[in-house]
Amino acid sequence: QVQLMESGGGLVQPGGSLRLSCATSVTILRISAMGWYRQAPGKQRELVARITVGGSTNYADSVKGRFTISRDAAKRTVYLQMNSLKPEDTAVYSCKVETPRTDYWGQGTQVTVSS
């Protein structure tokens, strides 16, 4: 059974930082990309950042220059370093693992940016 284990969410003040982690049991050879998505209350889920097996990355315009996605292939883990957090970054952040056959989703971790 495929598992995605997310961690690192929490409450942080505006301007603060958090680092999200997502470890997967999906065999590394099957992974084509990994990414982070978020969904705020009353809004649709949106892509935050994505990284391919080749290392190419793309980011939502709203997080460029503040967030950095990275991965550790040996640990089958993807990270999202979030700096200069803003109240509008508050959302449930979910990890997604893409394979040629299907996609796998984590359960999500809450990130709240508030003073």
C-alpha atoms as a PDB file:
ATOM      1  CA  GLN A   1       0.000   0.000   0.000  1.00  0.00           C
ATOM      2  CA  VAL A   2       1.426   3.346  -1.063  1.00  0.00           C
ATOM      3  CA  GLN A   3       2.087   5.798   1.731  1.00  0.00           C
ATOM      4  CA  LEU A   4       2.830   9.497   1.731  1.00  0.00           C
ATOM      5  CA  MET A   5       3.830  10.908   5.093  1.00  0.00           C
ATOM      6  CA  GLU A   6       3.720  14.681   5.382  1.00  0.00           C
ATOM      7  CA  SER A   7       5.118  16.719   8.227  1.00  0.00           C
ATOM      8  CA  GLY A   8       6.192  20.221   9.131  1.00  0.00           C
ATOM      9  CA  GLY A   9       2.966  22.192   9.147  1.00  0.00           C
ATOM     10  CA  GLY A  10       1.923  24.438  11.991  1.00  0.00           C
ATOM     11  CA  LEU A  11       1.278  27.967  13.154  1.00  0.00           C
ATOM     12  CA  VAL A  12       3.771  30.686  12.276  1.00  0.00           C
ATOM     13  CA  GLN A  13       3.790  34.460  12.410  1.00  0.00           C
ATOM     14  CA  PRO A  14       3.872  36.548   9.238  1.00  0.00           C
ATOM     15  CA  GLY A  15       7.396  36.740   7.920  1.00  0.00           C
ATOM     16  CA  GLY A  16       8.307  33.420   9.468  1.00  0.00           C
ATOM     17  CA  SER A  17       9.426  30.153   7.902  1.00  0.00           C
ATOM     18  CA  LEU A  18       8.344  26.543   7.800  1.00  0.00           C
ATOM     19  CA  ARG A  19       9.703  23.465   6.089  1.00  0.00           C
ATOM     20  CA  LEU A  20       7.340  20.787   4.882  1.00  0.00           C
ATOM     21  CA  SER A  21       8.463  17.230   4.208  1.00  0.00           C
ATOM     22  CA  CYS A  22       6.776  14.407   2.343  1.00  0.00           C
ATOM     23  CA  ALA A  23       8.215  10.917   2.404  1.00  0.00           C
ATOM     24  CA  THR A  24       6.776   8.300   0.099  1.00  0.00           C
ATOM     25  CA  SER A  25       6.864   4.541  -0.150  1.00  0.00           C
ATOM     26  CA  VAL A  26       6.462   4.722  -3.947  1.00  0.00           C
ATOM     27  CA  THR A  27       9.409   3.040  -5.634  1.00  0.00           C
ATOM     28  CA  ILE A  28      11.826   5.718  -6.779  1.00  0.00           C
ATOM     29  CA  LEU A  29      12.007   4.323 -10.324  1.00  0.00           C
ATOM     30  CA  ARG A  30       8.282   4.862 -10.735  1.00  0.00           C
ATOM     31  CA  ILE A  31       8.249   8.509  -9.702  1.00  0.00           C
ATOM     32  CA  SER A  32       8.105  11.066 -12.497  1.00  0.00           C
ATOM     33  CA  ALA A  33       7.449  14.155 -10.382  1.00  0.00           C
ATOM     34  CA  MET A  34       6.580  15.289  -6.873  1.00  0.00           C
ATOM     35  CA  GLY A  35       4.824  18.432  -5.827  1.00  0.00           C
ATOM     36  CA  TRP A  36       3.003  20.457  -3.239  1.00  0.00           C
ATOM     37  CA  TYR A  37      -0.508  21.776  -3.602  1.00  0.00           C
ATOM     38  CA  ARG A  38      -2.600  23.853  -1.237  1.00  0.00           C
ATOM     39  CA  GLN A  39      -6.231  24.546  -0.602  1.00  0.00           C
ATOM     40  CA  ALA A  40      -7.464  27.485   1.432  1.00  0.00           C
ATOM     41  CA  PRO A  41     -10.997  27.616   2.847  1.00  0.00           C
ATOM     42  CA  GLY A  42     -13.513  28.407   0.118  1.00  0.00           C
ATOM     43  CA  LYS A  43     -10.908  28.163  -2.644  1.00  0.00           C
ATOM     44  CA  GLN A  44      -9.867  25.574  -5.166  1.00  0.00           C
ATOM     45  CA  ARG A  45      -6.735  23.533  -4.709  1.00  0.00           C
ATOM     46  CA  GLU A  46      -3.772  25.068  -6.482  1.00  0.00           C
ATOM     47  CA  LEU A  47      -0.263  24.046  -7.405  1.00  0.00           C
ATOM     48  CA  VAL A  48       2.371  25.558  -5.143  1.00  0.00           C
ATOM     49  CA  ALA A  49       5.536  23.940  -6.461  1.00  0.00           C
ATOM     50  CA  ARG A  50       6.536  20.884  -8.450  1.00  0.00           C
ATOM     51  CA  ILE A  51       9.800  19.127  -9.197  1.00  0.00           C
ATOM     52  CA  THR A  52      10.385  16.493 -11.861  1.00  0.00           C
ATOM     53  CA  VAL A  53      12.675  13.495 -11.697  1.00  0.00           C
ATOM     54  CA  GLY A  54      15.056  15.485 -13.885  1.00  0.00           C
ATOM     55  CA  GLY A  55      15.140  18.338 -11.393  1.00  0.00           C
ATOM     56  CA  SER A  56      13.009  20.849 -13.287  1.00  0.00           C
ATOM     57  CA  THR A  57      10.890  23.003 -11.029  1.00  0.00           C
ATOM     58  CA  ASN A  58       7.918  25.269 -11.389  1.00  0.00           C
ATOM     59  CA  TYR A  59       6.204  27.505  -8.868  1.00  0.00           C
ATOM     60  CA  ALA A  60       2.990  29.415  -8.441  1.00  0.00           C
ATOM     61  CA  ASP A  61       3.597  33.096  -9.140  1.00  0.00           C
ATOM     62  CA  SER A  62       2.449  33.944  -5.627  1.00  0.00           C
ATOM     63  CA  VAL A  63       5.294  31.981  -4.005  1.00  0.00           C
ATOM     64  CA  LYS A  64       8.192  32.622  -6.396  1.00  0.00           C
ATOM     65  CA  GLY A  65      11.204  33.930  -4.544  1.00  0.00           C
ATOM     66  CA  ARG A  66       9.819  32.829  -1.181  1.00  0.00           C
ATOM     67  CA  PHE A  67       9.333  29.060  -1.474  1.00  0.00           C
ATOM     68  CA  THR A  68      11.836  26.440  -2.613  1.00  0.00           C
ATOM     69  CA  ILE A  69      11.061  22.853  -3.521  1.00  0.00           C
ATOM     70  CA  SER A  70      13.753  20.197  -3.325  1.00  0.00           C
ATOM     71  CA  ARG A  71      14.022  16.441  -3.141  1.00  0.00           C
ATOM     72  CA  ASP A  72      16.192  13.696  -1.745  1.00  0.00           C
ATOM     73  CA  ALA A  73      15.855  10.784  -4.147  1.00  0.00           C
ATOM     74  CA  ALA A  74      17.595   8.336  -1.832  1.00  0.00           C
ATOM     75  CA  LYS A  75      15.078   9.110   0.917  1.00  0.00           C
ATOM     76  CA  ARG A  76      12.174   9.411  -1.554  1.00  0.00           C
ATOM     77  CA  THR A  77      11.339  12.672   0.116  1.00  0.00           C
ATOM     78  CA  VAL A  78      10.298  16.052  -1.212  1.00  0.00           C
ATOM     79  CA  TYR A  79      10.664  19.251   0.783  1.00  0.00           C
ATOM     80  CA  LEU A  80       9.078  22.665   0.617  1.00  0.00           C
ATOM     81  CA  GLN A  81      11.006  25.444   2.303  1.00  0.00           C
ATOM     82  CA  MET A  82       8.642  28.347   2.901  1.00  0.00           C
ATOM     83  CA  ASN A  83      10.097  31.722   3.838  1.00  0.00           C
ATOM     84  CA  SER A  84       8.565  35.154   4.301  1.00  0.00           C
ATOM     85  CA  LEU A  85       5.207  33.576   4.957  1.00  0.00           C
ATOM     86  CA  LYS A  86       2.098  35.685   4.565  1.00  0.00           C
ATOM     87  CA  PRO A  87      -1.419  35.261   5.988  1.00  0.00           C
ATOM     88  CA  GLU A  88      -2.616  34.411   2.481  1.00  0.00           C
ATOM     89  CA  ASP A  89      -0.373  31.339   2.531  1.00  0.00           C
ATOM     90  CA  THR A  90      -2.688  29.814   5.126  1.00  0.00           C
ATOM     91  CA  ALA A  91      -4.035  26.555   3.711  1.00  0.00           C
ATOM     92  CA  VAL A  92      -3.904  22.803   3.876  1.00  0.00           C
ATOM     93  CA  TYR A  93      -0.785  21.732   1.998  1.00  0.00           C
ATOM     94  CA  SER A  94      -0.829  18.340   0.304  1.00  0.00           C
ATOM     95  CA  CYS A  95       1.927  16.334  -1.290  1.00  0.00           C
ATOM     96  CA  LYS A  96       1.446  14.662  -4.659  1.00  0.00           C
ATOM     97  CA  VAL A  97       3.556  11.941  -6.219  1.00  0.00           C
ATOM     98  CA  GLU A  98       3.181  11.393  -9.951  1.00  0.00           C
ATOM     99  CA  THR A  99       3.875   8.143 -11.782  1.00  0.00           C
ATOM    100  CA  PRO A 100       3.139   7.247 -15.409  1.00  0.00           C
ATOM    101  CA  ARG A 101       0.141   5.204 -14.301  1.00  0.00           C
ATOM    102  CA  THR A 102      -1.398   7.216 -11.495  1.00  0.00           C
ATOM    103  CA  ASP A 103      -0.968   9.954  -8.940  1.00  0.00           C
ATOM    104  CA  TYR A 104      -0.814   9.575  -5.176  1.00  0.00           C
ATOM    105  CA  TRP A 105      -1.881  12.184  -2.646  1.00  0.00           C
ATOM    106  CA  GLY A 106      -1.029  12.750   0.970  1.00  0.00           C
ATOM    107  CA  GLN A 107      -3.625  13.630   3.553  1.00  0.00           C
ATOM    108  CA  GLY A 108      -2.403  17.178   3.955  1.00  0.00           C
ATOM    109  CA  THR A 109      -0.869  19.298   6.660  1.00  0.00           C
ATOM    110  CA  GLN A 110      -2.257  22.576   7.954  1.00  0.00           C
ATOM    111  CA  VAL A 111      -0.190  25.729   7.619  1.00  0.00           C
ATOM    112  CA  THR A 112      -1.531  28.778   9.431  1.00  0.00           C
ATOM    113  CA  VAL A 113       0.144  32.173   9.159  1.00  0.00           C
ATOM    114  CA  SER A 114      -1.174  34.523  11.777  1.00  0.00           C
ATOM    115  CA  SER A 115      -0.019  36.948  14.416  1.00  0.00           C
END
